[in-house]
Amino acid sequence: MGEFNYNNRFFAGVSNSETGEVSSDTIFHYRQQGDVVWATYEGGSIRFGTLVATVDADGCLDMRYQHVNQNGELCTGKCFSKPEILPDGRCRLHESWQWTSGDLSTGNSVIEELNLC
């Protein structure tokens, strides 16, 4: 895939497992410097969240996330994301995650880059 740059890209949820909190109303704003990626996110059941990740040469992300949901609960987790480049050049991330708080459940989600042009 070559080097993929996540800097200043926006993503939204497409699908998620039942115990996940990200939805199509959740918007992520990614930034990158070198092999470090971070993002803020909010919307839907999430009041505000942050994530930090390292990115490998294939664009895969190993991340840790934390957010406060609409119920005021502080939620934390870990996630591995694998990118897919869509025919129109946007990025879709296929994610495998696990809560490190609450019920410790696992799940899968997909987020997709927004076309803001």
PDB file of N, CA and C in Angstrom:
ATOM      1  N   MET A   1       0.818  -1.201   0.000  1.00  0.00           N
ATOM      2  CA  MET A   1       0.000   0.000   0.000  1.00  0.00           C
ATOM      3  C   MET A   1       0.854   1.254   0.000  1.00  0.00           C
ATOM      4  N   GLY A   2       2.073   1.174   0.507  1.00  0.00           N
ATOM      5  CA  GLY A   2       2.897   2.360   0.608  1.00  0.00           C
ATOM      6  C   GLY A   2       2.516   3.154   1.841  1.00  0.00           C
ATOM      7  N   GLU A   3       3.115   4.327   1.989  1.00  0.00           N
ATOM      8  CA  GLU A   3       2.840   5.130   3.168  1.00  0.00           C
ATOM      9  C   GLU A   3       1.505   5.833   3.020  1.00  0.00           C
ATOM     10  N   PHE A   4       0.654   5.635   3.993  1.00  0.00           N
ATOM     11  CA  PHE A   4      -0.651   6.284   4.002  1.00  0.00           C
ATOM     12  C   PHE A   4      -0.637   7.385   5.036  1.00  0.00           C
ATOM     13  N   ASN A   5      -1.147   8.536   4.691  1.00  0.00           N
ATOM     14  CA  ASN A   5      -1.163   9.667   5.601  1.00  0.00           C
ATOM     15  C   ASN A   5      -2.592   9.931   6.060  1.00  0.00           C
ATOM     16  N   TYR A   6      -2.814   9.842   7.355  1.00  0.00           N
ATOM     17  CA  TYR A   6      -4.133  10.076   7.945  1.00  0.00           C
ATOM     18  C   TYR A   6      -4.370  11.535   8.306  1.00  0.00           C
ATOM     19  N   ASN A   7      -3.364  12.386   8.125  1.00  0.00           N
ATOM     20  CA  ASN A   7      -3.458  13.750   8.623  1.00  0.00           C
ATOM     21  C   ASN A   7      -4.621  14.523   8.023  1.00  0.00           C
ATOM     22  N   ASN A   8      -5.411  15.115   8.909  1.00  0.00           N
ATOM     23  CA  ASN A   8      -6.538  15.990   8.569  1.00  0.00           C
ATOM     24  C   ASN A   8      -7.620  15.273   7.755  1.00  0.00           C
ATOM     25  N   ARG A   9      -7.813  13.987   7.992  1.00  0.00           N
ATOM     26  CA  ARG A   9      -8.891  13.231   7.351  1.00  0.00           C
ATOM     27  C   ARG A   9     -10.022  13.040   8.359  1.00  0.00           C
ATOM     28  N   PHE A  10     -11.242  13.034   7.837  1.00  0.00           N
ATOM     29  CA  PHE A  10     -12.437  12.875   8.659  1.00  0.00           C
ATOM     30  C   PHE A  10     -13.118  11.560   8.304  1.00  0.00           C
ATOM     31  N   PHE A  11     -13.578  10.843   9.326  1.00  0.00           N
ATOM     32  CA  PHE A  11     -14.230   9.551   9.155  1.00  0.00           C
ATOM     33  C   PHE A  11     -15.543   9.536   9.930  1.00  0.00           C
ATOM     34  N   ALA A  12     -16.453   8.654   9.512  1.00  0.00           N
ATOM     35  CA  ALA A  12     -17.703   8.425  10.241  1.00  0.00           C
ATOM     36  C   ALA A  12     -17.972   6.933  10.290  1.00  0.00           C
ATOM     37  N   GLY A  13     -18.715   6.513  11.297  1.00  0.00           N
ATOM     38  CA  GLY A  13     -19.052   5.111  11.450  1.00  0.00           C
ATOM     39  C   GLY A  13     -19.960   4.619  10.331  1.00  0.00           C
ATOM     40  N   VAL A  14     -19.721   3.375   9.885  1.00  0.00           N
ATOM     41  CA  VAL A  14     -20.552   2.724   8.871  1.00  0.00           C
ATOM     42  C   VAL A  14     -21.287   1.535   9.493  1.00  0.00           C
ATOM     43  N   SER A  15     -20.570   0.729  10.283  1.00  0.00           N
ATOM     44  CA  SER A  15     -21.183  -0.417  10.954  1.00  0.00           C
ATOM     45  C   SER A  15     -20.427  -0.682  12.245  1.00  0.00           C
ATOM     46  N   ASN A  16     -21.108  -1.385  13.173  1.00  0.00           N
ATOM     47  CA  ASN A  16     -20.480  -1.675  14.459  1.00  0.00           C
ATOM     48  C   ASN A  16     -21.171  -2.868  15.097  1.00  0.00           C
ATOM     49  N   SER A  17     -20.438  -3.561  15.953  1.00  0.00           N
ATOM     50  CA  SER A  17     -21.004  -4.651  16.739  1.00  0.00           C
ATOM     51  C   SER A  17     -21.965  -4.082  17.779  1.00  0.00           C
ATOM     52  N   GLU A  18     -22.791  -4.953  18.325  1.00  0.00           N
ATOM     53  CA  GLU A  18     -23.860  -4.543  19.231  1.00  0.00           C
ATOM     54  C   GLU A  18     -23.370  -3.782  20.463  1.00  0.00           C
ATOM     55  N   THR A  19     -22.229  -4.158  21.016  1.00  0.00           N
ATOM     56  CA  THR A  19     -21.750  -3.506  22.238  1.00  0.00           C
ATOM     57  C   THR A  19     -20.885  -2.277  21.962  1.00  0.00           C
ATOM     58  N   GLY A  20     -20.728  -1.900  20.693  1.00  0.00           N
ATOM     59  CA  GLY A  20     -19.970  -0.702  20.347  1.00  0.00           C
ATOM     60  C   GLY A  20     -20.813   0.550  20.495  1.00  0.00           C
ATOM     61  N   GLU A  21     -20.167   1.705  20.579  1.00  0.00           N
ATOM     62  CA  GLU A  21     -20.877   2.975  20.740  1.00  0.00           C
ATOM     63  C   GLU A  21     -20.744   3.895  19.541  1.00  0.00           C
ATOM     64  N   VAL A  22     -19.845   3.595  18.604  1.00  0.00           N
ATOM     65  CA  VAL A  22     -19.669   4.426  17.412  1.00  0.00           C
ATOM     66  C   VAL A  22     -20.817   4.157  16.441  1.00  0.00           C
ATOM     67  N   SER A  23     -21.341   5.228  15.849  1.00  0.00           N
ATOM     68  CA  SER A  23     -22.428   5.121  14.868  1.00  0.00           C
ATOM     69  C   SER A  23     -22.145   6.057  13.693  1.00  0.00           C
ATOM     70  N   SER A  24     -23.080   6.132  12.773  1.00  0.00           N
ATOM     71  CA  SER A  24     -22.919   7.023  11.618  1.00  0.00           C
ATOM     72  C   SER A  24     -22.931   8.489  12.041  1.00  0.00           C
ATOM     73  N   ASP A  25     -23.381   8.776  13.255  1.00  0.00           N
ATOM     74  CA  ASP A  25     -23.382  10.143  13.780  1.00  0.00           C
ATOM     75  C   ASP A  25     -22.068  10.505  14.465  1.00  0.00           C
ATOM     76  N   THR A  26     -21.156   9.538  14.575  1.00  0.00           N
ATOM     77  CA  THR A  26     -19.861   9.778  15.218  1.00  0.00           C
ATOM     78  C   THR A  26     -18.847  10.202  14.155  1.00  0.00           C
ATOM     79  N   ILE A  27     -18.259  11.374  14.342  1.00  0.00           N
ATOM     80  CA  ILE A  27     -17.285  11.925  13.398  1.00  0.00           C
ATOM     81  C   ILE A  27     -15.910  11.947  14.059  1.00  0.00           C
ATOM     82  N   PHE A  28     -14.923  11.397  13.348  1.00  0.00           N
ATOM     83  CA  PHE A  28     -13.535  11.343  13.786  1.00  0.00           C
ATOM     84  C   PHE A  28     -12.716  12.333  12.966  1.00  0.00           C
ATOM     85  N   HIS A  29     -11.829  13.071  13.616  1.00  0.00           N
ATOM     86  CA  HIS A  29     -10.880  13.947  12.923  1.00  0.00           C
ATOM     87  C   HIS A  29      -9.482  13.433  13.231  1.00  0.00           C
ATOM     88  N   TYR A  30      -8.854  12.819  12.224  1.00  0.00           N
ATOM     89  CA  TYR A  30      -7.527  12.206  12.384  1.00  0.00           C
ATOM     90  C   TYR A  30      -6.421  13.200  12.062  1.00  0.00           C
ATOM     91  N   ARG A  31      -5.299  13.036  12.765  1.00  0.00           N
ATOM     92  CA  ARG A  31      -4.084  13.802  12.512  1.00  0.00           C
ATOM     93  C   ARG A  31      -2.906  12.838  12.591  1.00  0.00           C
ATOM     94  N   GLN A  32      -1.803  13.200  11.963  1.00  0.00           N
ATOM     95  CA  GLN A  32      -0.639  12.319  11.949  1.00  0.00           C
ATOM     96  C   GLN A  32       0.643  13.115  11.899  1.00  0.00           C
ATOM     97  N   GLN A  33       1.649  12.623  12.624  1.00  0.00           N
ATOM     98  CA  GLN A  33       3.010  13.139  12.545  1.00  0.00           C
ATOM     99  C   GLN A  33       3.933  11.931  12.625  1.00  0.00           C
ATOM    100  N   GLY A  34       4.623  11.641  11.533  1.00  0.00           N
ATOM    101  CA  GLY A  34       5.468  10.455  11.478  1.00  0.00           C
ATOM    102  C   GLY A  34       4.620   9.208  11.618  1.00  0.00           C
ATOM    103  N   ASP A  35       5.010   8.319  12.537  1.00  0.00           N
ATOM    104  CA  ASP A  35       4.251   7.089  12.722  1.00  0.00           C
ATOM    105  C   ASP A  35       3.267   7.173  13.893  1.00  0.00           C
ATOM    106  N   VAL A  36       2.998   8.407  14.350  1.00  0.00           N
ATOM    107  CA  VAL A  36       2.027   8.619  15.420  1.00  0.00           C
ATOM    108  C   VAL A  36       0.771   9.251  14.839  1.00  0.00           C
ATOM    109  N   VAL A  37      -0.371   8.656  15.172  1.00  0.00           N
ATOM    110  CA  VAL A  37      -1.675   9.136  14.718  1.00  0.00           C
ATOM    111  C   VAL A  37      -2.529   9.411  15.948  1.00  0.00           C
ATOM    112  N   TRP A  38      -3.316  10.478  15.900  1.00  0.00           N
ATOM    113  CA  TRP A  38      -4.250  10.756  16.977  1.00  0.00           C
ATOM    114  C   TRP A  38      -5.520  11.332  16.371  1.00  0.00           C
ATOM    115  N   ALA A  39      -6.594  11.269  17.130  1.00  0.00           N
ATOM    116  CA  ALA A  39      -7.868  11.794  16.637  1.00  0.00           C
ATOM    117  C   ALA A  39      -8.738  12.214  17.811  1.00  0.00           C
ATOM    118  N   THR A  40      -9.651  13.120  17.509  1.00  0.00           N
ATOM    119  CA  THR A  40     -10.760  13.424  18.403  1.00  0.00           C
ATOM    120  C   THR A  40     -12.014  12.934  17.715  1.00  0.00           C
ATOM    121  N   TYR A  41     -13.019  12.591  18.502  1.00  0.00           N
ATOM    122  CA  TYR A  41     -14.278  12.130  17.920  1.00  0.00           C
ATOM    123  C   TYR A  41     -15.437  12.455  18.839  1.00  0.00           C
ATOM    124  N   GLU A  42     -16.613  12.631  18.233  1.00  0.00           N
ATOM    125  CA  GLU A  42     -17.820  12.933  18.979  1.00  0.00           C
ATOM    126  C   GLU A  42     -19.030  12.740  18.085  1.00  0.00           C
ATOM    127  N   GLY A  43     -20.181  12.618  18.718  1.00  0.00           N
ATOM    128  CA  GLY A  43     -21.436  12.482  17.997  1.00  0.00           C
ATOM    129  C   GLY A  43     -22.140  11.180  18.313  1.00  0.00           C
ATOM    130  N   GLY A  44     -23.454  11.187  18.148  1.00  0.00           N
ATOM    131  CA  GLY A  44     -24.242  10.017  18.492  1.00  0.00           C
ATOM    132  C   GLY A  44     -24.197   9.794  19.990  1.00  0.00           C
ATOM    133  N   SER A  45     -23.857   8.586  20.416  1.00  0.00           N
ATOM    134  CA  SER A  45     -23.824   8.270  21.850  1.00  0.00           C
ATOM    135  C   SER A  45     -22.534   8.714  22.529  1.00  0.00           C
ATOM    136  N   ILE A  46     -21.645   9.380  21.783  1.00  0.00           N
ATOM    137  CA  ILE A  46     -20.346   9.797  22.336  1.00  0.00           C
ATOM    138  C   ILE A  46     -20.296  11.316  22.455  1.00  0.00           C
ATOM    139  N   ARG A  47     -20.093  11.786  23.683  1.00  0.00           N
ATOM    140  CA  ARG A  47     -19.981  13.224  23.907  1.00  0.00           C
ATOM    141  C   ARG A  47     -18.646  13.743  23.403  1.00  0.00           C
ATOM    142  N   PHE A  48     -17.545  13.054  23.776  1.00  0.00           N
ATOM    143  CA  PHE A  48     -16.219  13.458  23.311  1.00  0.00           C
ATOM    144  C   PHE A  48     -15.253  12.317  23.550  1.00  0.00           C
ATOM    145  N   GLY A  49     -14.349  12.106  22.584  1.00  0.00           N
ATOM    146  CA  GLY A  49     -13.342  11.066  22.735  1.00  0.00           C
ATOM    147  C   GLY A  49     -12.042  11.423  22.060  1.00  0.00           C
ATOM    148  N   THR A  50     -10.990  10.705  22.460  1.00  0.00           N
ATOM    149  CA  THR A  50      -9.674  10.836  21.837  1.00  0.00           C
ATOM    150  C   THR A  50      -9.104   9.444  21.613  1.00  0.00           C
ATOM    151  N   LEU A  51      -8.195   9.366  20.659  1.00  0.00           N
ATOM    152  CA  LEU A  51      -7.464   8.122  20.445  1.00  0.00           C
ATOM    153  C   LEU A  51      -6.036   8.457  20.072  1.00  0.00           C
ATOM    154  N   VAL A  52      -5.140   7.525  20.350  1.00  0.00           N
ATOM    155  CA  VAL A  52      -3.744   7.639  19.951  1.00  0.00           C
ATOM    156  C   VAL A  52      -3.328   6.288  19.392  1.00  0.00           C
ATOM    157  N   ALA A  53      -2.515   6.328  18.323  1.00  0.00           N
ATOM    158  CA  ALA A  53      -2.141   5.092  17.640  1.00  0.00           C
ATOM    159  C   ALA A  53      -0.753   5.214  17.045  1.00  0.00           C
ATOM    160  N   THR A  54      -0.189   4.059  16.753  1.00  0.00           N
ATOM    161  CA  THR A  54       0.977   3.999  15.888  1.00  0.00           C
ATOM    162  C   THR A  54       0.514   3.392  14.576  1.00  0.00           C
ATOM    163  N   VAL A  55       1.155   3.810  13.484  1.00  0.00           N
ATOM    164  CA  VAL A  55       0.795   3.327  12.160  1.00  0.00           C
ATOM    165  C   VAL A  55       1.997   2.596  11.579  1.00  0.00           C
ATOM    166  N   ASP A  56       1.734   1.452  10.921  1.00  0.00           N
ATOM    167  CA  ASP A  56       2.835   0.714  10.295  1.00  0.00           C
ATOM    168  C   ASP A  56       2.921   1.062   8.808  1.00  0.00           C
ATOM    169  N   ALA A  57       3.850   0.464   8.105  1.00  0.00           N
ATOM    170  CA  ALA A  57       4.102   0.784   6.694  1.00  0.00           C
ATOM    171  C   ALA A  57       2.906   0.469   5.807  1.00  0.00           C
ATOM    172  N   ASP A  58       2.007  -0.439   6.242  1.00  0.00           N
ATOM    173  CA  ASP A  58       0.818  -0.783   5.462  1.00  0.00           C
ATOM    174  C   ASP A  58      -0.379   0.079   5.818  1.00  0.00           C
ATOM    175  N   GLY A  59      -0.193   1.041   6.720  1.00  0.00           N
ATOM    176  CA  GLY A  59      -1.288   1.921   7.115  1.00  0.00           C
ATOM    177  C   GLY A  59      -2.146   1.367   8.233  1.00  0.00           C
ATOM    178  N   CYS A  60      -1.777   0.206   8.795  1.00  0.00           N
ATOM    179  CA  CYS A  60      -2.544  -0.384   9.898  1.00  0.00           C
ATOM    180  C   CYS A  60      -2.291   0.400  11.173  1.00  0.00           C
ATOM    181  N   LEU A  61      -3.337   0.558  11.967  1.00  0.00           N
ATOM    182  CA  LEU A  61      -3.269   1.329  13.192  1.00  0.00           C
ATOM    183  C   LEU A  61      -3.427   0.427  14.407  1.00  0.00           C
ATOM    184  N   ASP A  62      -2.535   0.596  15.388  1.00  0.00           N
ATOM    185  CA  ASP A  62      -2.650  -0.047  16.690  1.00  0.00           C
ATOM    186  C   ASP A  62      -2.968   1.076  17.658  1.00  0.00           C
ATOM    187  N   MET A  63      -4.209   1.108  18.170  1.00  0.00           N
ATOM    188  CA  MET A  63      -4.646   2.289  18.907  1.00  0.00           C
ATOM    189  C   MET A  63      -5.239   1.967  20.269  1.00  0.00           C
ATOM    190  N   ARG A  64      -5.280   3.002  21.074  1.00  0.00           N
ATOM    191  CA  ARG A  64      -5.985   3.006  22.346  1.00  0.00           C
ATOM    192  C   ARG A  64      -6.940   4.204  22.306  1.00  0.00           C
ATOM    193  N   TYR A  65      -8.150   3.999  22.823  1.00  0.00           N
ATOM    194  CA  TYR A  65      -9.139   5.071  22.767  1.00  0.00           C
ATOM    195  C   TYR A  65      -9.821   5.249  24.115  1.00  0.00           C
ATOM    196  N   GLN A  66     -10.372   6.437  24.277  1.00  0.00           N
ATOM    197  CA  GLN A  66     -11.126   6.773  25.480  1.00  0.00           C
ATOM    198  C   GLN A  66     -12.175   7.807  25.119  1.00  0.00           C
ATOM    199  N   HIS A  67     -13.352   7.661  25.713  1.00  0.00           N
ATOM    200  CA  HIS A  67     -14.371   8.671  25.499  1.00  0.00           C
ATOM    201  C   HIS A  67     -15.350   8.720  26.663  1.00  0.00           C
ATOM    202  N   VAL A  68     -16.109   9.813  26.684  1.00  0.00           N
ATOM    203  CA  VAL A  68     -17.222   9.960  27.619  1.00  0.00           C
ATOM    204  C   VAL A  68     -18.488   9.836  26.786  1.00  0.00           C
ATOM    205  N   ASN A  69     -19.372   8.911  27.180  1.00  0.00           N
ATOM    206  CA  ASN A  69     -20.608   8.736  26.417  1.00  0.00           C
ATOM    207  C   ASN A  69     -21.717   9.642  26.962  1.00  0.00           C
ATOM    208  N   GLN A  70     -22.885   9.583  26.332  1.00  0.00           N
ATOM    209  CA  GLN A  70     -23.999  10.456  26.709  1.00  0.00           C
ATOM    210  C   GLN A  70     -24.508  10.167  28.120  1.00  0.00           C
ATOM    211  N   ASN A  71     -24.194   8.980  28.664  1.00  0.00           N
ATOM    212  CA  ASN A  71     -24.578   8.655  30.038  1.00  0.00           C
ATOM    213  C   ASN A  71     -23.560   9.150  31.054  1.00  0.00           C
ATOM    214  N   GLY A  72     -22.491   9.822  30.579  1.00  0.00           N
ATOM    215  CA  GLY A  72     -21.463  10.335  31.477  1.00  0.00           C
ATOM    216  C   GLY A  72     -20.445   9.300  31.893  1.00  0.00           C
ATOM    217  N   GLU A  73     -20.442   8.137  31.246  1.00  0.00           N
ATOM    218  CA  GLU A  73     -19.501   7.076  31.583  1.00  0.00           C
ATOM    219  C   GLU A  73     -18.192   7.271  30.822  1.00  0.00           C
ATOM    220  N   LEU A  74     -17.074   7.064  31.516  1.00  0.00           N
ATOM    221  CA  LEU A  74     -15.758   7.094  30.884  1.00  0.00           C
ATOM    222  C   LEU A  74     -15.459   5.690  30.381  1.00  0.00           C
ATOM    223  N   CYS A  75     -15.256   5.550  29.064  1.00  0.00           N
ATOM    224  CA  CYS A  75     -15.058   4.246  28.425  1.00  0.00           C
ATOM    225  C   CYS A  75     -13.684   4.212  27.769  1.00  0.00           C
ATOM    226  N   THR A  76     -12.995   3.062  27.879  1.00  0.00           N
ATOM    227  CA  THR A  76     -11.668   2.918  27.291  1.00  0.00           C
ATOM    228  C   THR A  76     -11.590   1.613  26.517  1.00  0.00           C
ATOM    229  N   GLY A  77     -10.679   1.584  25.537  1.00  0.00           N
ATOM    230  CA  GLY A  77     -10.522   0.362  24.771  1.00  0.00           C
ATOM    231  C   GLY A  77      -9.270   0.370  23.921  1.00  0.00           C
ATOM    232  N   LYS A  78      -9.085  -0.750  23.220  1.00  0.00           N
ATOM    233  CA  LYS A  78      -7.975  -0.888  22.286  1.00  0.00           C
ATOM    234  C   LYS A  78      -8.543  -1.383  20.964  1.00  0.00           C
ATOM    235  N   CYS A  79      -7.840  -1.055  19.867  1.00  0.00           N
ATOM    236  CA  CYS A  79      -8.369  -1.341  18.548  1.00  0.00           C
ATOM    237  C   CYS A  79      -7.224  -1.537  17.554  1.00  0.00           C
ATOM    238  N   PHE A  80      -7.435  -2.447  16.611  1.00  0.00           N
ATOM    239  CA  PHE A  80      -6.531  -2.617  15.484  1.00  0.00           C
ATOM    240  C   PHE A  80      -7.325  -2.322  14.225  1.00  0.00           C
ATOM    241  N   SER A  81      -6.853  -1.392  13.406  1.00  0.00           N
ATOM    242  CA  SER A  81      -7.564  -0.970  12.201  1.00  0.00           C
ATOM    243  C   SER A  81      -6.731  -1.248  10.961  1.00  0.00           C
ATOM    244  N   LYS A  82      -7.386  -1.829   9.956  1.00  0.00           N
ATOM    245  CA  LYS A  82      -6.725  -2.127   8.689  1.00  0.00           C
ATOM    246  C   LYS A  82      -7.398  -1.302   7.592  1.00  0.00           C
ATOM    247  N   PRO A  83      -6.611  -0.513   6.831  1.00  0.00           N
ATOM    248  CA  PRO A  83      -7.213   0.343   5.818  1.00  0.00           C
ATOM    249  C   PRO A  83      -7.513  -0.394   4.509  1.00  0.00           C
ATOM    250  N   GLU A  84      -8.550   0.081   3.850  1.00  0.00           N
ATOM    251  CA  GLU A  84      -8.899  -0.333   2.487  1.00  0.00           C
ATOM    252  C   GLU A  84      -9.095   0.952   1.697  1.00  0.00           C
ATOM    253  N   ILE A  85      -8.431   1.069   0.569  1.00  0.00           N
ATOM    254  CA  ILE A  85      -8.605   2.248  -0.275  1.00  0.00           C
ATOM    255  C   ILE A  85      -9.753   1.972  -1.247  1.00  0.00           C
ATOM    256  N   LEU A  86     -10.749   2.828  -1.206  1.00  0.00           N
ATOM    257  CA  LEU A  86     -11.929   2.691  -2.054  1.00  0.00           C
ATOM    258  C   LEU A  86     -11.634   3.175  -3.471  1.00  0.00           C
ATOM    259  N   PRO A  87     -12.433   2.765  -4.451  1.00  0.00           N
ATOM    260  CA  PRO A  87     -12.185   3.175  -5.842  1.00  0.00           C
ATOM    261  C   PRO A  87     -12.091   4.691  -6.039  1.00  0.00           C
ATOM    262  N   ASP A  88     -12.806   5.452  -5.202  1.00  0.00           N
ATOM    263  CA  ASP A  88     -12.762   6.912  -5.335  1.00  0.00           C
ATOM    264  C   ASP A  88     -11.613   7.550  -4.553  1.00  0.00           C
ATOM    265  N   GLY A  89     -10.734   6.719  -3.942  1.00  0.00           N
ATOM    266  CA  GLY A  89      -9.564   7.222  -3.242  1.00  0.00           C
ATOM    267  C   GLY A  89      -9.750   7.436  -1.748  1.00  0.00           C
ATOM    268  N   ARG A  90     -10.990   7.365  -1.280  1.00  0.00           N
ATOM    269  CA  ARG A  90     -11.224   7.494   0.155  1.00  0.00           C
ATOM    270  C   ARG A  90     -10.774   6.230   0.875  1.00  0.00           C
ATOM    271  N   CYS A  91     -10.638   6.340   2.188  1.00  0.00           N
ATOM    272  CA  CYS A  91     -10.172   5.230   3.009  1.00  0.00           C
ATOM    273  C   CYS A  91     -11.320   4.671   3.841  1.00  0.00           C
ATOM    274  N   ARG A  92     -11.375   3.357   3.920  1.00  0.00           N
ATOM    275  CA  ARG A  92     -12.301   2.646   4.813  1.00  0.00           C
ATOM    276  C   ARG A  92     -11.439   1.866   5.792  1.00  0.00           C
ATOM    277  N   LEU A  93     -11.731   1.977   7.087  1.00  0.00           N
ATOM    278  CA  LEU A  93     -10.978   1.263   8.108  1.00  0.00           C
ATOM    279  C   LEU A  93     -11.818   0.115   8.662  1.00  0.00           C
ATOM    280  N   HIS A  94     -11.250  -1.087   8.608  1.00  0.00           N
ATOM    281  CA  HIS A  94     -11.863  -2.285   9.172  1.00  0.00           C
ATOM    282  C   HIS A  94     -11.232  -2.493  10.546  1.00  0.00           C
ATOM    283  N   GLU A  95     -12.055  -2.441  11.586  1.00  0.00           N
ATOM    284  CA  GLU A  95     -11.546  -2.379  12.943  1.00  0.00           C
ATOM    285  C   GLU A  95     -11.965  -3.583  13.787  1.00  0.00           C
ATOM    286  N   SER A  96     -11.019  -4.084  14.563  1.00  0.00           N
ATOM    287  CA  SER A  96     -11.274  -5.100  15.588  1.00  0.00           C
ATOM    288  C   SER A  96     -10.937  -4.447  16.920  1.00  0.00           C
ATOM    289  N   TRP A  97     -11.895  -4.410  17.836  1.00  0.00           N
ATOM    290  CA  TRP A  97     -11.700  -3.678  19.073  1.00  0.00           C
ATOM    291  C   TRP A  97     -12.100  -4.495  20.291  1.00  0.00           C
ATOM    292  N   GLN A  98     -11.630  -4.006  21.456  1.00  0.00           N
ATOM    293  CA  GLN A  98     -12.036  -4.578  22.733  1.00  0.00           C
ATOM    294  C   GLN A  98     -12.105  -3.474  23.770  1.00  0.00           C
ATOM    295  N   TRP A  99     -13.187  -3.475  24.538  1.00  0.00           N
ATOM    296  CA  TRP A  99     -13.279  -2.562  25.671  1.00  0.00           C
ATOM    297  C   TRP A  99     -12.268  -2.989  26.727  1.00  0.00           C
ATOM    298  N   THR A 100     -11.588  -2.002  27.338  1.00  0.00           N
ATOM    299  CA  THR A 100     -10.725  -2.276  28.485  1.00  0.00           C
ATOM    300  C   THR A 100     -11.394  -1.761  29.755  1.00  0.00           C
ATOM    301  N   SER A 101     -12.631  -1.348  29.623  1.00  0.00           N
ATOM    302  CA  SER A 101     -13.476  -0.947  30.750  1.00  0.00           C
ATOM    303  C   SER A 101     -14.841  -1.608  30.534  1.00  0.00           C
ATOM    304  N   GLY A 102     -15.696  -1.492  31.512  1.00  0.00           N
ATOM    305  CA  GLY A 102     -17.046  -2.044  31.364  1.00  0.00           C
ATOM    306  C   GLY A 102     -17.045  -3.556  31.228  1.00  0.00           C
ATOM    307  N   ASP A 103     -17.757  -4.062  30.211  1.00  0.00           N
ATOM    308  CA  ASP A 103     -17.936  -5.511  30.074  1.00  0.00           C
ATOM    309  C   ASP A 103     -16.781  -6.232  29.373  1.00  0.00           C
ATOM    310  N   LEU A 104     -15.763  -5.492  28.927  1.00  0.00           N
ATOM    311  CA  LEU A 104     -14.571  -6.053  28.275  1.00  0.00           C
ATOM    312  C   LEU A 104     -14.895  -6.820  26.989  1.00  0.00           C
ATOM    313  N   SER A 105     -16.056  -6.541  26.403  1.00  0.00           N
ATOM    314  CA  SER A 105     -16.459  -7.254  25.185  1.00  0.00           C
ATOM    315  C   SER A 105     -15.597  -6.854  23.992  1.00  0.00           C
ATOM    316  N   THR A 106     -15.652  -7.675  22.955  1.00  0.00           N
ATOM    317  CA  THR A 106     -14.934  -7.425  21.705  1.00  0.00           C
ATOM    318  C   THR A 106     -15.938  -7.171  20.601  1.00  0.00           C
ATOM    319  N   GLY A 107     -15.459  -6.602  19.509  1.00  0.00           N
ATOM    320  CA  GLY A 107     -16.346  -6.354  18.382  1.00  0.00           C
ATOM    321  C   GLY A 107     -15.576  -5.936  17.150  1.00  0.00           C
ATOM    322  N   ASN A 108     -16.340  -5.684  16.107  1.00  0.00           N
ATOM    323  CA  ASN A 108     -15.796  -5.220  14.826  1.00  0.00           C
ATOM    324  C   ASN A 108     -16.610  -4.033  14.348  1.00  0.00           C
ATOM    325  N   SER A 109     -15.918  -3.092  13.742  1.00  0.00           N
ATOM    326  CA  SER A 109     -16.599  -1.925  13.194  1.00  0.00           C
ATOM    327  C   SER A 109     -15.921  -1.508  11.900  1.00  0.00           C
ATOM    328  N   VAL A 110     -16.615  -0.667  11.172  1.00  0.00           N
ATOM    329  CA  VAL A 110     -16.089  -0.072   9.948  1.00  0.00           C
ATOM    330  C   VAL A 110     -16.348   1.418  10.038  1.00  0.00           C
ATOM    331  N   ILE A 111     -15.302   2.212   9.786  1.00  0.00           N
ATOM    332  CA  ILE A 111     -15.483   3.650   9.615  1.00  0.00           C
ATOM    333  C   ILE A 111     -14.954   4.015   8.233  1.00  0.00           C
ATOM    334  N   GLU A 112     -15.521   5.057   7.659  1.00  0.00           N
ATOM    335  CA  GLU A 112     -15.193   5.409   6.280  1.00  0.00           C
ATOM    336  C   GLU A 112     -14.915   6.904   6.187  1.00  0.00           C
ATOM    337  N   GLU A 113     -13.924   7.244   5.387  1.00  0.00           N
ATOM    338  CA  GLU A 113     -13.556   8.640   5.199  1.00  0.00           C
ATOM    339  C   GLU A 113     -14.694   9.406   4.544  1.00  0.00           C
ATOM    340  N   LEU A 114     -14.926  10.599   5.072  1.00  0.00           N
ATOM    341  CA  LEU A 114     -15.949  11.480   4.517  1.00  0.00           C
ATOM    342  C   LEU A 114     -15.374  12.258   3.346  1.00  0.00           C
ATOM    343  N   ASN A 115     -16.173  12.466   2.346  1.00  0.00           N
ATOM    344  CA  ASN A 115     -15.799  13.299   1.207  1.00  0.00           C
ATOM    345  C   ASN A 115     -16.289  14.696   1.489  1.00  0.00           C
ATOM    346  N   LEU A 116     -15.391  15.561   1.936  1.00  0.00           N
ATOM    347  CA  LEU A 116     -15.780  16.907   2.361  1.00  0.00           C
ATOM    348  C   LEU A 116     -15.649  17.942   1.262  1.00  0.00           C
ATOM    349  N   CYS A 117     -15.371  17.536   0.059  1.00  0.00           N
ATOM    350  CA  CYS A 117     -15.231  18.489  -1.052  1.00  0.00           C
ATOM    351  C   CYS A 117     -16.567  18.969  -1.543  1.00  0.00           C
TER     352      CYS A 117
END
